[in-house]
């Protein structure tokens, strides 16, 4: 999650929370939720900032649980100072074999965060991706090395049956044709099938308008030499991008 102190961090933080909300809305019906990582906010803190209140609103809306198990972040001097790494979940207690543990004794850890872990019972289904078929192109004899082709055919003929009689004519001819075909195909170029992957899986009038708004906002920001900090053009660009991403995620959720 975005750090404090950076320009626009509140907007970016709330945008990330909105993305998490949409993910939960999409999958919460048929699945348990377990989210873990650096939230850059102490969920156990008493005094809430706008960022923390926005995150707590998400936790309350979906009845997510979390544990405070000790400091997870070290300041530049190496002192433990706060707990900003959490697991948010709605997994039933019966499936949790070990709740959140802060691994603060790992000698090999060089990060300014302590790793955290949780253990639970779960089943995974392995989906094996089918191998991509290779399309054999038509043999272009102008590009094939005919000398190499003739050598391969001659070597192959040595392994075929040489004596032909009335009983094996058809089989010998078939083997000979296969030999010539394989020898030519092995020398021909091969290509993988083209899998077109569109940039957007969904499309509707709202997404179209948001795409145009984002492009226009980006062009205006670019023409102004890409200003940073408290810039209205930068804010408009980020808001336009946020609106597009939100409309795409909502369209995908409705489609599924």
C-alpha atoms as a PDB file:
ATOM      1  CA  UNK A   1       0.000   0.000   0.000  1.00  0.00           C
ATOM      2  CA  UNK A   2       1.215   3.571  -0.659  1.00  0.00           C
ATOM      3  CA  UNK A   3       3.494   5.093   1.981  1.00  0.00           C
ATOM      4  CA  UNK A   4       2.709   8.202   3.996  1.00  0.00           C
ATOM      5  CA  UNK A   5       4.391  11.492   3.225  1.00  0.00           C
ATOM      6  CA  UNK A   6       4.206  11.218  -0.558  1.00  0.00           C
ATOM      7  CA  UNK A   7       2.083  13.608  -2.577  1.00  0.00           C
ATOM      8  CA  UNK A   8      -1.288  12.089  -3.379  1.00  0.00           C
ATOM      9  CA  UNK A   9      -0.750   9.133  -1.052  1.00  0.00           C
ATOM     10  CA  UNK A  10      -4.265   9.365   0.429  1.00  0.00           C
ATOM     11  CA  UNK A  11      -5.918   9.159  -2.992  1.00  0.00           C
ATOM     12  CA  UNK A  12      -3.694   6.271  -4.065  1.00  0.00           C
ATOM     13  CA  UNK A  13      -4.276   4.480  -0.767  1.00  0.00           C
ATOM     14  CA  UNK A  14      -8.057   4.778  -1.104  1.00  0.00           C
ATOM     15  CA  UNK A  15      -7.805   3.590  -4.705  1.00  0.00           C
ATOM     16  CA  UNK A  16      -5.983   0.451  -3.541  1.00  0.00           C
ATOM     17  CA  UNK A  17      -8.648  -0.156  -0.895  1.00  0.00           C
ATOM     18  CA  UNK A  18     -11.336   0.225  -3.573  1.00  0.00           C
ATOM     19  CA  UNK A  19      -9.582  -2.388  -5.692  1.00  0.00           C
ATOM     20  CA  UNK A  20      -9.506  -4.765  -2.730  1.00  0.00           C
ATOM     21  CA  UNK A  21     -13.202  -4.091  -2.134  1.00  0.00           C
ATOM     22  CA  UNK A  22     -14.064  -4.989  -5.722  1.00  0.00           C
ATOM     23  CA  UNK A  23     -12.007  -8.185  -5.533  1.00  0.00           C
ATOM     24  CA  UNK A  24     -13.821  -9.221  -2.357  1.00  0.00           C
ATOM     25  CA  UNK A  25     -17.209  -8.388  -3.882  1.00  0.00           C
ATOM     26  CA  UNK A  26     -16.389 -10.562  -6.866  1.00  0.00           C
ATOM     27  CA  UNK A  27     -15.123 -13.631  -5.015  1.00  0.00           C
ATOM     28  CA  UNK A  28     -16.666 -13.414  -1.549  1.00  0.00           C
ATOM     29  CA  UNK A  29     -19.826 -15.336  -2.458  1.00  0.00           C
ATOM     30  CA  UNK A  30     -18.134 -18.647  -3.227  1.00  0.00           C
ATOM     31  CA  UNK A  31     -14.746 -18.247  -1.565  1.00  0.00           C
ATOM     32  CA  UNK A  32     -13.068 -17.406   1.714  1.00  0.00           C
ATOM     33  CA  UNK A  33     -10.900 -14.298   1.719  1.00  0.00           C
ATOM     34  CA  UNK A  34      -7.307 -14.113   2.986  1.00  0.00           C
ATOM     35  CA  UNK A  35      -5.311 -10.962   2.201  1.00  0.00           C
ATOM     36  CA  UNK A  36      -1.857 -10.381   3.599  1.00  0.00           C
ATOM     37  CA  UNK A  37       0.878  -7.795   3.301  1.00  0.00           C
ATOM     38  CA  UNK A  38       2.152  -4.336   4.187  1.00  0.00           C
ATOM     39  CA  UNK A  39      -0.877  -2.074   4.660  1.00  0.00           C
ATOM     40  CA  UNK A  40       1.223   0.887   5.850  1.00  0.00           C
ATOM     41  CA  UNK A  41      -1.363   1.530   8.571  1.00  0.00           C
ATOM     42  CA  UNK A  42      -1.664   0.167  12.105  1.00  0.00           C
ATOM     43  CA  UNK A  43      -5.108  -1.406  12.285  1.00  0.00           C
ATOM     44  CA  UNK A  44      -4.787  -1.545  16.055  1.00  0.00           C
ATOM     45  CA  UNK A  45      -4.237   2.190  16.357  1.00  0.00           C
ATOM     46  CA  UNK A  46      -6.731   4.206  18.390  1.00  0.00           C
ATOM     47  CA  UNK A  47      -6.477   7.504  16.504  1.00  0.00           C
ATOM     48  CA  UNK A  48      -7.358   7.049  12.863  1.00  0.00           C
ATOM     49  CA  UNK A  49      -6.262   9.071   9.877  1.00  0.00           C
ATOM     50  CA  UNK A  50      -8.368   9.283   6.755  1.00  0.00           C
ATOM     51  CA  UNK A  51      -6.364   6.398   5.321  1.00  0.00           C
ATOM     52  CA  UNK A  52      -6.838   4.195   8.375  1.00  0.00           C
ATOM     53  CA  UNK A  53     -10.541   4.977   8.659  1.00  0.00           C
ATOM     54  CA  UNK A  54     -11.041   4.075   5.001  1.00  0.00           C
ATOM     55  CA  UNK A  55      -9.278   0.742   5.530  1.00  0.00           C
ATOM     56  CA  UNK A  56     -11.234   0.014   8.722  1.00  0.00           C
ATOM     57  CA  UNK A  57     -14.454   0.689   6.838  1.00  0.00           C
ATOM     58  CA  UNK A  58     -13.511  -2.127   4.450  1.00  0.00           C
ATOM     59  CA  UNK A  59     -12.717  -4.439   7.373  1.00  0.00           C
ATOM     60  CA  UNK A  60     -16.059  -3.715   9.029  1.00  0.00           C
ATOM     61  CA  UNK A  61     -18.133  -3.979   5.839  1.00  0.00           C
ATOM     62  CA  UNK A  62     -16.955  -7.528   5.169  1.00  0.00           C
ATOM     63  CA  UNK A  63     -16.475  -8.583   8.793  1.00  0.00           C
ATOM     64  CA  UNK A  64     -12.794  -9.309   8.214  1.00  0.00           C
ATOM     65  CA  UNK A  65     -10.624 -10.441  11.114  1.00  0.00           C
ATOM     66  CA  UNK A  66      -7.008  -9.588  11.920  1.00  0.00           C
ATOM     67  CA  UNK A  67      -4.565 -10.010  14.783  1.00  0.00           C
ATOM     68  CA  UNK A  68      -2.153  -7.627  16.469  1.00  0.00           C
ATOM     69  CA  UNK A  69       0.863  -9.806  17.198  1.00  0.00           C
ATOM     70  CA  UNK A  70       3.690  -7.306  17.702  1.00  0.00           C
ATOM     71  CA  UNK A  71       5.751  -4.751  15.802  1.00  0.00           C
ATOM     72  CA  UNK A  72       6.575  -5.667  12.213  1.00  0.00           C
ATOM     73  CA  UNK A  73       8.344  -2.504  11.006  1.00  0.00           C
ATOM     74  CA  UNK A  74      11.822  -1.240  11.946  1.00  0.00           C
ATOM     75  CA  UNK A  75      12.842   2.409  11.728  1.00  0.00           C
ATOM     76  CA  UNK A  76      16.116   3.469   9.998  1.00  0.00           C
ATOM     77  CA  UNK A  77      17.984   2.882  13.287  1.00  0.00           C
ATOM     78  CA  UNK A  78      16.782  -0.703  13.441  1.00  0.00           C
ATOM     79  CA  UNK A  79      14.304  -0.177  16.275  1.00  0.00           C
ATOM     80  CA  UNK A  80      10.931  -1.909  16.250  1.00  0.00           C
ATOM     81  CA  UNK A  81       8.367   0.892  16.077  1.00  0.00           C
ATOM     82  CA  UNK A  82       4.973  -0.162  14.711  1.00  0.00           C
ATOM     83  CA  UNK A  83       2.816  -2.947  13.317  1.00  0.00           C
ATOM     84  CA  UNK A  84       1.683  -2.348   9.745  1.00  0.00           C
ATOM     85  CA  UNK A  85       1.758  -5.870   8.280  1.00  0.00           C
ATOM     86  CA  UNK A  86      -1.457  -7.850   8.634  1.00  0.00           C
ATOM     87  CA  UNK A  87      -3.621 -10.667   7.376  1.00  0.00           C
ATOM     88  CA  UNK A  88      -7.267  -9.766   6.706  1.00  0.00           C
ATOM     89  CA  UNK A  89      -9.509 -12.802   6.442  1.00  0.00           C
ATOM     90  CA  UNK A  90     -12.947 -14.322   6.884  1.00  0.00           C
ATOM     91  CA  UNK A  91     -11.698 -17.911   6.976  1.00  0.00           C
ATOM     92  CA  UNK A  92     -13.500 -20.042   9.618  1.00  0.00           C
ATOM     93  CA  UNK A  93     -11.444 -20.683  12.740  1.00  0.00           C
ATOM     94  CA  UNK A  94     -11.665 -24.437  12.201  1.00  0.00           C
ATOM     95  CA  UNK A  95      -9.507 -24.085   9.072  1.00  0.00           C
ATOM     96  CA  UNK A  96      -6.801 -22.002  10.774  1.00  0.00           C
ATOM     97  CA  UNK A  97      -4.069 -24.124  12.351  1.00  0.00           C
ATOM     98  CA  UNK A  98      -1.841 -21.203  13.375  1.00  0.00           C
ATOM     99  CA  UNK A  99      -2.817 -17.543  13.587  1.00  0.00           C
ATOM    100  CA  UNK A 100      -0.591 -14.629  12.655  1.00  0.00           C
ATOM    101  CA  UNK A 101       3.018 -14.995  13.780  1.00  0.00           C
ATOM    102  CA  UNK A 102       5.698 -12.305  13.438  1.00  0.00           C
ATOM    103  CA  UNK A 103       8.976 -13.907  12.332  1.00  0.00           C
ATOM    104  CA  UNK A 104      11.341 -11.514  14.105  1.00  0.00           C
ATOM    105  CA  UNK A 105      14.194 -13.959  14.636  1.00  0.00           C
ATOM    106  CA  UNK A 106      15.266 -14.689  11.056  1.00  0.00           C
ATOM    107  CA  UNK A 107      18.977 -13.996  10.708  1.00  0.00           C
ATOM    108  CA  UNK A 108      18.778 -13.870   6.920  1.00  0.00           C
ATOM    109  CA  UNK A 109      16.116 -11.136   6.863  1.00  0.00           C
ATOM    110  CA  UNK A 110      17.583  -7.871   5.524  1.00  0.00           C
ATOM    111  CA  UNK A 111      14.272  -6.027   5.085  1.00  0.00           C
ATOM    112  CA  UNK A 112      12.944  -3.277   7.341  1.00  0.00           C
ATOM    113  CA  UNK A 113       9.835  -5.443   7.786  1.00  0.00           C
ATOM    114  CA  UNK A 114       9.546  -8.663   9.729  1.00  0.00           C
ATOM    115  CA  UNK A 115       7.863 -11.427   7.713  1.00  0.00           C
ATOM    116  CA  UNK A 116       4.500 -12.644   8.996  1.00  0.00           C
ATOM    117  CA  UNK A 117       2.839 -15.994   8.501  1.00  0.00           C
ATOM    118  CA  UNK A 118      -0.435 -17.787   9.074  1.00  0.00           C
ATOM    119  CA  UNK A 119      -1.182 -21.476   8.621  1.00  0.00           C
ATOM    120  CA  UNK A 120      -4.486 -22.902   7.452  1.00  0.00           C
ATOM    121  CA  UNK A 121      -5.965 -25.983   5.824  1.00  0.00           C
ATOM    122  CA  UNK A 122      -6.724 -25.690   2.119  1.00  0.00           C
ATOM    123  CA  UNK A 123      -6.980 -27.693  -1.076  1.00  0.00           C
ATOM    124  CA  UNK A 124      -5.455 -26.739  -4.409  1.00  0.00           C
ATOM    125  CA  UNK A 125      -6.431 -28.005  -7.834  1.00  0.00           C
ATOM    126  CA  UNK A 126      -3.607 -28.155 -10.346  1.00  0.00           C
ATOM    127  CA  UNK A 127      -4.605 -26.856 -13.762  1.00  0.00           C
ATOM    128  CA  UNK A 128      -2.092 -28.093 -16.312  1.00  0.00           C
ATOM    129  CA  UNK A 129      -1.796 -25.745 -19.251  1.00  0.00           C
ATOM    130  CA  UNK A 130      -2.032 -27.686 -22.518  1.00  0.00           C
ATOM    131  CA  UNK A 131       1.039 -27.610 -24.675  1.00  0.00           C
ATOM    132  CA  UNK A 132       0.878 -25.180 -27.536  1.00  0.00           C
ATOM    133  CA  UNK A 133       0.563 -26.924 -30.848  1.00  0.00           C
ATOM    134  CA  UNK A 134       3.144 -26.157 -33.490  1.00  0.00           C
ATOM    135  CA  UNK A 135       1.831 -25.407 -36.948  1.00  0.00           C
ATOM    136  CA  UNK A 136       3.885 -26.895 -39.766  1.00  0.00           C
ATOM    137  CA  UNK A 137       4.127 -24.417 -42.606  1.00  0.00           C
ATOM    138  CA  UNK A 138       4.044 -25.368 -46.246  1.00  0.00           C
ATOM    139  CA  UNK A 139       7.457 -26.485 -47.455  1.00  0.00           C
ATOM    140  CA  UNK A 140       9.204 -23.748 -49.400  1.00  0.00           C
ATOM    141  CA  UNK A 141      11.676 -25.609 -51.587  1.00  0.00           C
ATOM    142  CA  UNK A 142      13.471 -22.394 -52.517  1.00  0.00           C
ATOM    143  CA  UNK A 143      14.673 -21.992 -48.937  1.00  0.00           C
ATOM    144  CA  UNK A 144      15.404 -25.637 -48.089  1.00  0.00           C
ATOM    145  CA  UNK A 145      18.919 -27.020 -48.373  1.00  0.00           C
ATOM    146  CA  UNK A 146      18.271 -29.735 -50.956  1.00  0.00           C
ATOM    147  CA  UNK A 147      21.645 -31.344 -50.298  1.00  0.00           C
ATOM    148  CA  UNK A 148      20.795 -31.874 -46.633  1.00  0.00           C
ATOM    149  CA  UNK A 149      17.350 -33.111 -47.663  1.00  0.00           C
ATOM    150  CA  UNK A 150      18.805 -35.731 -50.012  1.00  0.00           C
ATOM    151  CA  UNK A 151      21.212 -36.933 -47.303  1.00  0.00           C
ATOM    152  CA  UNK A 152      18.361 -37.393 -44.838  1.00  0.00           C
ATOM    153  CA  UNK A 153      16.296 -39.282 -47.385  1.00  0.00           C
ATOM    154  CA  UNK A 154      19.230 -41.567 -48.232  1.00  0.00           C
ATOM    155  CA  UNK A 155      19.919 -42.247 -44.559  1.00  0.00           C
ATOM    156  CA  UNK A 156      16.246 -43.027 -44.049  1.00  0.00           C
ATOM    157  CA  UNK A 157      16.128 -45.386 -47.011  1.00  0.00           C
ATOM    158  CA  UNK A 158      18.813 -47.478 -45.357  1.00  0.00           C
ATOM    159  CA  UNK A 159      16.401 -48.266 -42.544  1.00  0.00           C
ATOM    160  CA  UNK A 160      13.481 -49.178 -44.817  1.00  0.00           C
ATOM    161  CA  UNK A 161      12.762 -52.592 -46.243  1.00  0.00           C
ATOM    162  CA  UNK A 162      14.452 -52.858 -49.652  1.00  0.00           C
ATOM    163  CA  UNK A 163      12.836 -55.966 -51.079  1.00  0.00           C
ATOM    164  CA  UNK A 164       9.365 -55.383 -52.496  1.00  0.00           C
ATOM    165  CA  UNK A 165       6.849 -58.097 -53.322  1.00  0.00           C
ATOM    166  CA  UNK A 166       3.131 -58.270 -53.970  1.00  0.00           C
ATOM    167  CA  UNK A 167       2.331 -58.407 -50.257  1.00  0.00           C
ATOM    168  CA  UNK A 168       4.208 -55.320 -49.050  1.00  0.00           C
ATOM    169  CA  UNK A 169       4.071 -52.844 -51.928  1.00  0.00           C
ATOM    170  CA  UNK A 170       1.501 -50.616 -50.237  1.00  0.00           C
ATOM    171  CA  UNK A 171       3.359 -50.589 -46.904  1.00  0.00           C
ATOM    172  CA  UNK A 172       6.743 -49.832 -48.479  1.00  0.00           C
ATOM    173  CA  UNK A 173       5.324 -46.989 -50.575  1.00  0.00           C
ATOM    174  CA  UNK A 174       3.639 -45.560 -47.471  1.00  0.00           C
ATOM    175  CA  UNK A 175       6.892 -45.704 -45.480  1.00  0.00           C
ATOM    176  CA  UNK A 176       8.777 -44.061 -48.329  1.00  0.00           C
ATOM    177  CA  UNK A 177       6.255 -41.214 -48.611  1.00  0.00           C
ATOM    178  CA  UNK A 178       6.362 -40.641 -44.852  1.00  0.00           C
ATOM    179  CA  UNK A 179      10.156 -40.552 -44.967  1.00  0.00           C
ATOM    180  CA  UNK A 180      10.169 -37.874 -47.677  1.00  0.00           C
ATOM    181  CA  UNK A 181       7.483 -35.858 -45.909  1.00  0.00           C
ATOM    182  CA  UNK A 182       9.217 -35.958 -42.511  1.00  0.00           C
ATOM    183  CA  UNK A 183      12.591 -35.083 -44.025  1.00  0.00           C
ATOM    184  CA  UNK A 184      11.120 -32.024 -45.729  1.00  0.00           C
ATOM    185  CA  UNK A 185       9.045 -30.959 -42.708  1.00  0.00           C
ATOM    186  CA  UNK A 186      12.042 -31.138 -40.379  1.00  0.00           C
ATOM    187  CA  UNK A 187      13.870 -28.676 -42.612  1.00  0.00           C
ATOM    188  CA  UNK A 188      10.898 -26.335 -43.022  1.00  0.00           C
ATOM    189  CA  UNK A 189      10.309 -23.441 -40.655  1.00  0.00           C
ATOM    190  CA  UNK A 190       7.804 -23.889 -37.864  1.00  0.00           C
ATOM    191  CA  UNK A 191       5.731 -21.305 -36.086  1.00  0.00           C
ATOM    192  CA  UNK A 192       3.560 -21.262 -33.020  1.00  0.00           C
ATOM    193  CA  UNK A 193      -0.109 -20.382 -33.391  1.00  0.00           C
ATOM    194  CA  UNK A 194      -0.846 -16.708 -32.863  1.00  0.00           C
ATOM    195  CA  UNK A 195      -2.915 -16.117 -29.766  1.00  0.00           C
ATOM    196  CA  UNK A 196      -4.397 -12.672 -29.879  1.00  0.00           C
ATOM    197  CA  UNK A 197      -4.763 -11.230 -26.388  1.00  0.00           C
ATOM    198  CA  UNK A 198      -6.844  -8.057 -26.306  1.00  0.00           C
ATOM    199  CA  UNK A 199      -5.763  -5.362 -23.892  1.00  0.00           C
ATOM    200  CA  UNK A 200      -9.252  -5.191 -22.391  1.00  0.00           C
ATOM    201  CA  UNK A 201     -11.403  -8.258 -21.783  1.00  0.00           C
ATOM    202  CA  UNK A 202     -14.579  -6.204 -21.652  1.00  0.00           C
ATOM    203  CA  UNK A 203     -15.897  -3.181 -23.497  1.00  0.00           C
ATOM    204  CA  UNK A 204     -18.907  -0.930 -23.065  1.00  0.00           C
ATOM    205  CA  UNK A 205     -19.812   2.759 -23.579  1.00  0.00           C
ATOM    206  CA  UNK A 206     -18.668   3.708 -20.074  1.00  0.00           C
ATOM    207  CA  UNK A 207     -15.246   2.115 -20.603  1.00  0.00           C
ATOM    208  CA  UNK A 208     -14.957   3.817 -24.012  1.00  0.00           C
ATOM    209  CA  UNK A 209     -15.645   7.231 -22.473  1.00  0.00           C
ATOM    210  CA  UNK A 210     -13.212   6.583 -19.614  1.00  0.00           C
ATOM    211  CA  UNK A 211     -10.502   5.541 -22.083  1.00  0.00           C
ATOM    212  CA  UNK A 212     -10.938   8.811 -23.983  1.00  0.00           C
ATOM    213  CA  UNK A 213     -10.912  10.824 -20.758  1.00  0.00           C
ATOM    214  CA  UNK A 214      -7.742   9.085 -19.594  1.00  0.00           C
ATOM    215  CA  UNK A 215      -5.999   9.705 -22.941  1.00  0.00           C
ATOM    216  CA  UNK A 216      -6.974  13.378 -22.930  1.00  0.00           C
ATOM    217  CA  UNK A 217      -5.878  13.821 -19.308  1.00  0.00           C
ATOM    218  CA  UNK A 218      -2.554  12.120 -20.052  1.00  0.00           C
ATOM    219  CA  UNK A 219      -1.930  14.301 -23.119  1.00  0.00           C
ATOM    220  CA  UNK A 220      -2.654  17.468 -21.140  1.00  0.00           C
ATOM    221  CA  UNK A 221      -0.313  16.343 -18.352  1.00  0.00           C
ATOM    222  CA  UNK A 222       2.399  15.439 -20.876  1.00  0.00           C
ATOM    223  CA  UNK A 223       2.116  18.775 -22.717  1.00  0.00           C
ATOM    224  CA  UNK A 224       2.660  20.528 -19.388  1.00  0.00           C
ATOM    225  CA  UNK A 225       6.025  18.716 -19.040  1.00  0.00           C
ATOM    226  CA  UNK A 226       4.681  16.042 -16.672  1.00  0.00           C
ATOM    227  CA  UNK A 227       4.305  18.133 -13.490  1.00  0.00           C
ATOM    228  CA  UNK A 228       4.575  16.447 -10.098  1.00  0.00           C
ATOM    229  CA  UNK A 229       3.472  17.336  -6.598  1.00  0.00           C
ATOM    230  CA  UNK A 230       0.312  19.370  -6.060  1.00  0.00           C
ATOM    231  CA  UNK A 231      -0.652  19.601  -9.730  1.00  0.00           C
ATOM    232  CA  UNK A 232      -4.254  19.675 -10.913  1.00  0.00           C
ATOM    233  CA  UNK A 233      -3.212  18.012 -14.183  1.00  0.00           C
ATOM    234  CA  UNK A 234      -1.568  15.140 -12.313  1.00  0.00           C
ATOM    235  CA  UNK A 235      -4.647  14.772 -10.112  1.00  0.00           C
ATOM    236  CA  UNK A 236      -6.942  14.710 -13.161  1.00  0.00           C
ATOM    237  CA  UNK A 237      -4.738  12.103 -14.841  1.00  0.00           C
ATOM    238  CA  UNK A 238      -4.768   9.851 -11.767  1.00  0.00           C
ATOM    239  CA  UNK A 239      -8.527  10.248 -11.292  1.00  0.00           C
ATOM    240  CA  UNK A 240      -9.162   9.410 -14.955  1.00  0.00           C
ATOM    241  CA  UNK A 241      -6.984   6.318 -14.688  1.00  0.00           C
ATOM    242  CA  UNK A 242      -8.738   5.326 -11.484  1.00  0.00           C
ATOM    243  CA  UNK A 243     -12.169   5.718 -13.120  1.00  0.00           C
ATOM    244  CA  UNK A 244     -11.145   3.542 -16.076  1.00  0.00           C
ATOM    245  CA  UNK A 245      -9.747   0.771 -13.902  1.00  0.00           C
ATOM    246  CA  UNK A 246     -12.854   0.838 -11.734  1.00  0.00           C
ATOM    247  CA  UNK A 247     -15.236   0.615 -14.713  1.00  0.00           C
ATOM    248  CA  UNK A 248     -13.266  -2.299 -16.193  1.00  0.00           C
ATOM    249  CA  UNK A 249     -13.269  -4.235 -12.920  1.00  0.00           C
ATOM    250  CA  UNK A 250     -17.001  -3.628 -12.467  1.00  0.00           C
ATOM    251  CA  UNK A 251     -17.739  -4.796 -16.016  1.00  0.00           C
ATOM    252  CA  UNK A 252     -15.686  -7.967 -15.475  1.00  0.00           C
ATOM    253  CA  UNK A 253     -17.477  -8.649 -12.193  1.00  0.00           C
ATOM    254  CA  UNK A 254     -20.893  -8.277 -13.878  1.00  0.00           C
ATOM    255  CA  UNK A 255     -19.781 -10.511 -16.743  1.00  0.00           C
ATOM    256  CA  UNK A 256     -18.696 -13.325 -14.401  1.00  0.00           C
END
